[in-house]
Amino acid sequence: MDRLPLIQDLVSRILSIERDHPVRVGIDGVDAAGKTTLADELARHIEAAGRQVIRGSIDRFHNPSAVRYQRGRESPEGYYLDSFNLVALSECLLQPLGPRGGRQFRRAAFDYRSDSLLDVPFETAESDAILLFDGIFLHRPELRSHWDFSVFLQVDFSVTVPRAVQRDRATPEDEVRRIYAIRYVPGQRLYLSAENPSTRASFVIDNADPGRPVVVHAA
């Protein structure tokens, strides 16, 4: 289907969710599947409907490099298991916006570029706010119970790796392809095999062609 009707359908589904706390939406998929683009599109439409949107990303909750690379810089297991501080994500953002949470949240905890903690101020969510959170590995056991609605973007690595090459043009192409081949793709395959996120998500989209996404599953 064309992209706009799909976005409108997703927005309608998200706006219809009723909770006594902010609605937490996880947008999952392998690297370069189109998660950030989708989350930003949804944010614009939901804000236009008059709801507060809280945008968040797993990229703001990395572990320090000493933890991320403790199994080696080329370890697929390290990429899957050690990249992100899931405790900080839960305590700073997901629990405060969930049942019995106080709605006082922080949307970031760590800057992986400078390899340093972030001193981000607390914010207060409106009771009917909507969190749109994008990232990889969002249906792993530590996180999946937090989502009130989740989307999984299904795209083959034969499509996403060339996208990553284009996105990371500051790095030589052969180096991007090498690290994806030995660390990132195998690490993401570990996740896909262990958790099968396409069976856990509320909504699954084939996003191989972003202009004409295909709905695979809609709960």
Protein backbone atom coordinates (compact mmCIF):
# COMPACT_ATOMS: atom_id res chain seq x y z
CA MET A 1 0.00 0.00 0.00
CA ASP A 2 1.07 3.62 -0.35
CA ARG A 3 2.94 4.98 2.64
CA LEU A 4 0.52 7.70 3.76
CA PRO A 5 -2.49 5.38 4.26
CA LEU A 6 -0.27 3.05 6.28
CA ILE A 7 0.93 5.92 8.49
CA GLN A 8 -2.65 7.08 8.99
CA ASP A 9 -3.72 3.56 9.93
CA LEU A 10 -0.92 3.24 12.48
CA VAL A 11 -1.69 6.65 13.94
CA SER A 12 -5.35 5.70 14.31
CA ARG A 13 -4.45 2.46 16.09
CA ILE A 14 -2.06 4.21 18.45
CA LEU A 15 -4.48 7.02 19.28
CA SER A 16 -7.20 4.48 20.08
CA ILE A 17 -5.14 2.81 22.84
CA GLU A 18 -6.49 3.71 26.28
CA ARG A 19 -4.25 3.44 29.33
CA ASP A 20 -4.10 5.15 32.71
CA HIS A 21 -0.54 6.13 31.87
CA PRO A 22 1.29 7.35 28.73
CA VAL A 23 1.16 4.92 25.83
CA ARG A 24 4.57 3.37 25.11
CA VAL A 25 5.16 2.43 21.46
CA GLY A 26 8.27 0.47 20.45
CA ILE A 27 9.44 0.55 16.83
CA ASP A 28 11.79 -2.37 16.26
CA GLY A 29 13.75 -3.72 13.31
CA VAL A 30 17.26 -4.49 12.20
CA ASP A 31 19.75 -1.70 11.62
CA ALA A 32 18.76 0.56 8.69
CA ALA A 33 15.25 -0.92 8.45
CA GLY A 34 13.69 2.56 8.58
CA LYS A 35 12.75 2.78 12.27
CA THR A 36 13.72 6.40 12.90
CA THR A 37 12.01 7.61 9.73
CA LEU A 38 8.79 5.83 10.69
CA ALA A 39 8.87 7.10 14.27
CA ASP A 40 9.40 10.69 13.09
CA GLU A 41 6.50 10.42 10.63
CA LEU A 42 4.20 9.05 13.31
CA ALA A 43 5.28 11.81 15.67
CA ARG A 44 4.27 14.56 13.25
CA HIS A 45 0.80 13.10 12.73
CA ILE A 46 0.17 12.38 16.40
CA GLU A 47 1.28 15.87 17.43
CA ALA A 48 -1.07 17.28 14.80
CA ALA A 49 -3.87 15.37 16.55
CA GLY A 50 -3.10 17.29 19.73
CA ARG A 51 -1.27 14.65 21.76
CA GLN A 52 2.09 15.11 23.43
CA VAL A 53 4.77 12.98 21.77
CA ILE A 54 7.91 11.85 23.55
CA ARG A 55 10.54 10.70 21.05
CA GLY A 56 13.18 8.32 22.26
CA SER A 57 15.82 6.03 20.82
CA ILE A 58 17.89 3.09 22.01
CA ASP A 59 20.90 5.00 20.70
CA ARG A 60 20.68 7.25 23.78
CA PHE A 61 21.06 4.29 26.13
CA HIS A 62 24.32 2.67 25.08
CA ASN A 63 26.68 1.07 27.53
CA PRO A 64 30.19 2.52 27.90
CA SER A 65 32.65 1.23 25.31
CA ALA A 66 34.43 -0.87 27.95
CA VAL A 67 31.19 -2.83 28.36
CA ARG A 68 30.15 -2.80 24.71
CA TYR A 69 33.44 -4.30 23.57
CA GLN A 70 34.25 -6.54 26.52
CA ARG A 71 33.85 -9.61 24.29
CA GLY A 72 35.88 -7.99 21.51
CA ARG A 73 35.08 -5.29 18.96
CA GLU A 74 34.04 -7.86 16.35
CA SER A 75 31.91 -10.10 18.60
CA PRO A 76 28.32 -10.68 17.41
CA GLU A 77 27.37 -11.82 20.91
CA GLY A 78 28.79 -8.61 22.32
CA TYR A 79 26.76 -6.54 19.89
CA TYR A 80 23.52 -8.25 20.92
CA LEU A 81 24.13 -8.71 24.63
CA ASP A 82 26.31 -5.78 25.66
CA SER A 83 25.47 -2.77 23.49
CA PHE A 84 22.71 -1.19 25.55
CA ASN A 85 22.02 -0.31 29.17
CA LEU A 86 18.57 -1.81 29.51
CA VAL A 87 18.41 -1.09 33.24
CA ALA A 88 18.93 2.63 32.62
CA LEU A 89 16.37 2.59 29.81
CA SER A 90 13.79 0.98 32.06
CA GLU A 91 14.48 3.19 35.07
CA CYS A 92 14.81 6.49 33.20
CA LEU A 93 12.03 6.15 30.66
CA LEU A 94 9.90 3.02 30.42
CA GLN A 95 8.94 2.51 34.06
CA PRO A 96 8.16 6.18 34.79
CA LEU A 97 5.77 6.24 31.82
CA GLY A 98 4.19 2.91 32.70
CA PRO A 99 1.68 1.65 35.27
CA ARG A 100 2.27 3.24 38.68
CA GLY A 101 4.99 5.42 37.19
CA GLY A 102 5.29 9.03 38.25
CA ARG A 103 5.61 10.39 34.68
CA GLN A 104 8.95 12.04 35.57
CA PHE A 105 11.31 10.75 32.90
CA ARG A 106 14.68 11.26 31.25
CA ARG A 107 14.87 10.53 27.52
CA ALA A 108 18.61 9.84 27.38
CA ALA A 109 21.40 8.56 29.61
CA PHE A 110 24.58 8.10 27.55
CA ASP A 111 26.38 9.59 24.56
CA TYR A 112 28.22 6.81 22.75
CA ARG A 113 30.10 9.26 20.54
CA SER A 114 31.87 10.88 23.50
CA ASP A 115 31.60 7.68 25.58
CA SER A 116 30.20 9.64 28.50
CA LEU A 117 27.14 9.89 30.73
CA LEU A 118 24.57 12.54 29.88
CA ASP A 119 23.19 14.91 32.49
CA VAL A 120 19.74 15.17 30.94
CA PRO A 121 17.05 16.98 32.96
CA PHE A 122 13.87 15.28 34.07
CA GLU A 123 10.72 16.04 32.12
CA THR A 124 7.07 15.49 32.98
CA ALA A 125 4.80 13.57 30.63
CA GLU A 126 1.16 14.41 30.22
CA SER A 127 -1.12 11.59 31.33
CA ASP A 128 -2.15 10.85 27.72
CA ALA A 129 1.31 11.35 26.17
CA ILE A 130 2.63 8.89 23.62
CA LEU A 131 6.20 7.59 23.68
CA LEU A 132 7.55 6.74 20.23
CA PHE A 133 10.75 4.79 20.85
CA ASP A 134 12.86 3.37 18.03
CA GLY A 135 15.68 0.89 18.23
CA ILE A 136 17.02 -2.58 17.62
CA PHE A 137 16.41 -5.53 19.96
CA LEU A 138 13.21 -4.03 21.42
CA HIS A 139 11.42 -7.36 21.78
CA ARG A 140 14.09 -8.96 23.94
CA PRO A 141 12.75 -10.26 27.28
CA GLU A 142 13.98 -7.31 29.33
CA LEU A 143 11.95 -4.82 27.27
CA ARG A 144 8.97 -6.39 25.55
CA SER A 145 6.57 -6.25 28.53
CA HIS A 146 6.92 -2.44 28.57
CA TRP A 147 5.35 -1.85 25.17
CA ASP A 148 1.65 -1.01 24.93
CA PHE A 149 1.98 -1.27 21.15
CA SER A 150 4.91 -2.36 19.03
CA VAL A 151 5.90 -2.31 15.38
CA PHE A 152 8.47 -4.54 13.71
CA LEU A 153 9.95 -3.50 10.37
CA GLN A 154 10.81 -6.59 8.38
CA VAL A 155 13.62 -6.01 5.88
CA ASP A 156 16.22 -8.42 4.52
CA PHE A 157 19.88 -7.77 5.20
CA SER A 158 20.49 -7.67 1.44
CA VAL A 159 18.52 -4.40 1.54
CA THR A 160 19.59 -2.94 4.88
CA VAL A 161 23.35 -3.31 4.51
CA PRO A 162 23.48 -1.18 1.32
CA ARG A 163 21.32 1.37 3.14
CA ALA A 164 23.84 1.39 5.98
CA VAL A 165 26.66 1.92 3.49
CA GLN A 166 24.87 5.00 2.16
CA ARG A 167 24.08 6.28 5.65
CA ASP A 168 27.65 5.82 6.93
CA ARG A 169 29.40 7.44 3.99
CA ALA A 170 32.01 9.02 6.27
CA THR A 171 33.43 5.50 6.71
CA PRO A 172 34.96 3.63 3.75
CA GLU A 173 32.44 1.26 2.17
CA ASP A 174 34.63 -1.82 2.52
CA GLU A 175 35.00 -1.19 6.27
CA VAL A 176 31.23 -0.72 6.72
CA ARG A 177 30.53 -3.95 4.86
CA ARG A 178 33.23 -5.80 6.82
CA ILE A 179 31.96 -4.85 10.28
CA TYR A 180 28.36 -5.58 9.27
CA ALA A 181 29.40 -8.99 7.97
CA ILE A 182 31.32 -10.04 11.07
CA ARG A 183 29.54 -8.24 13.95
CA TYR A 184 26.30 -6.41 13.24
CA VAL A 185 24.44 -8.82 10.96
CA PRO A 186 25.40 -11.96 12.94
CA GLY A 187 24.49 -10.18 16.18
CA GLN A 188 21.09 -9.24 14.82
CA ARG A 189 20.57 -12.78 13.56
CA LEU A 190 21.11 -13.95 17.15
CA TYR A 191 18.26 -11.69 18.23
CA LEU A 192 15.95 -12.70 15.39
CA SER A 193 16.53 -16.37 16.10
CA ALA A 194 16.17 -16.09 19.87
CA GLU A 195 13.13 -13.81 20.07
CA ASN A 196 11.37 -13.99 16.68
CA PRO A 197 10.13 -10.39 17.01
CA SER A 198 7.81 -10.62 14.01
CA THR A 199 5.62 -12.96 16.07
CA ARG A 200 5.62 -10.66 19.11
CA ALA A 201 4.96 -7.26 17.56
CA SER A 202 1.50 -5.73 17.39
CA PHE A 203 2.09 -4.65 13.80
CA VAL A 204 4.59 -6.04 11.26
CA ILE A 205 5.56 -4.16 8.10
CA ASP A 206 7.65 -5.29 5.15
CA ASN A 207 9.64 -2.09 4.61
CA ALA A 208 11.91 -3.24 1.79
CA ASP A 209 10.37 -0.51 -0.38
CA PRO A 210 9.66 2.43 1.97
CA GLY A 211 7.47 4.07 -0.62
CA ARG A 212 5.17 1.05 -0.76
CA PRO A 213 5.32 -0.75 2.59
CA VAL A 214 3.39 -3.99 2.98
CA VAL A 215 1.43 -4.91 6.10
CA VAL A 216 2.45 -8.45 7.09
CA HIS A 217 0.55 -8.69 10.35
CA ALA A 218 -1.80 -6.41 12.29
CA ALA A 219 -3.02 -7.51 15.70
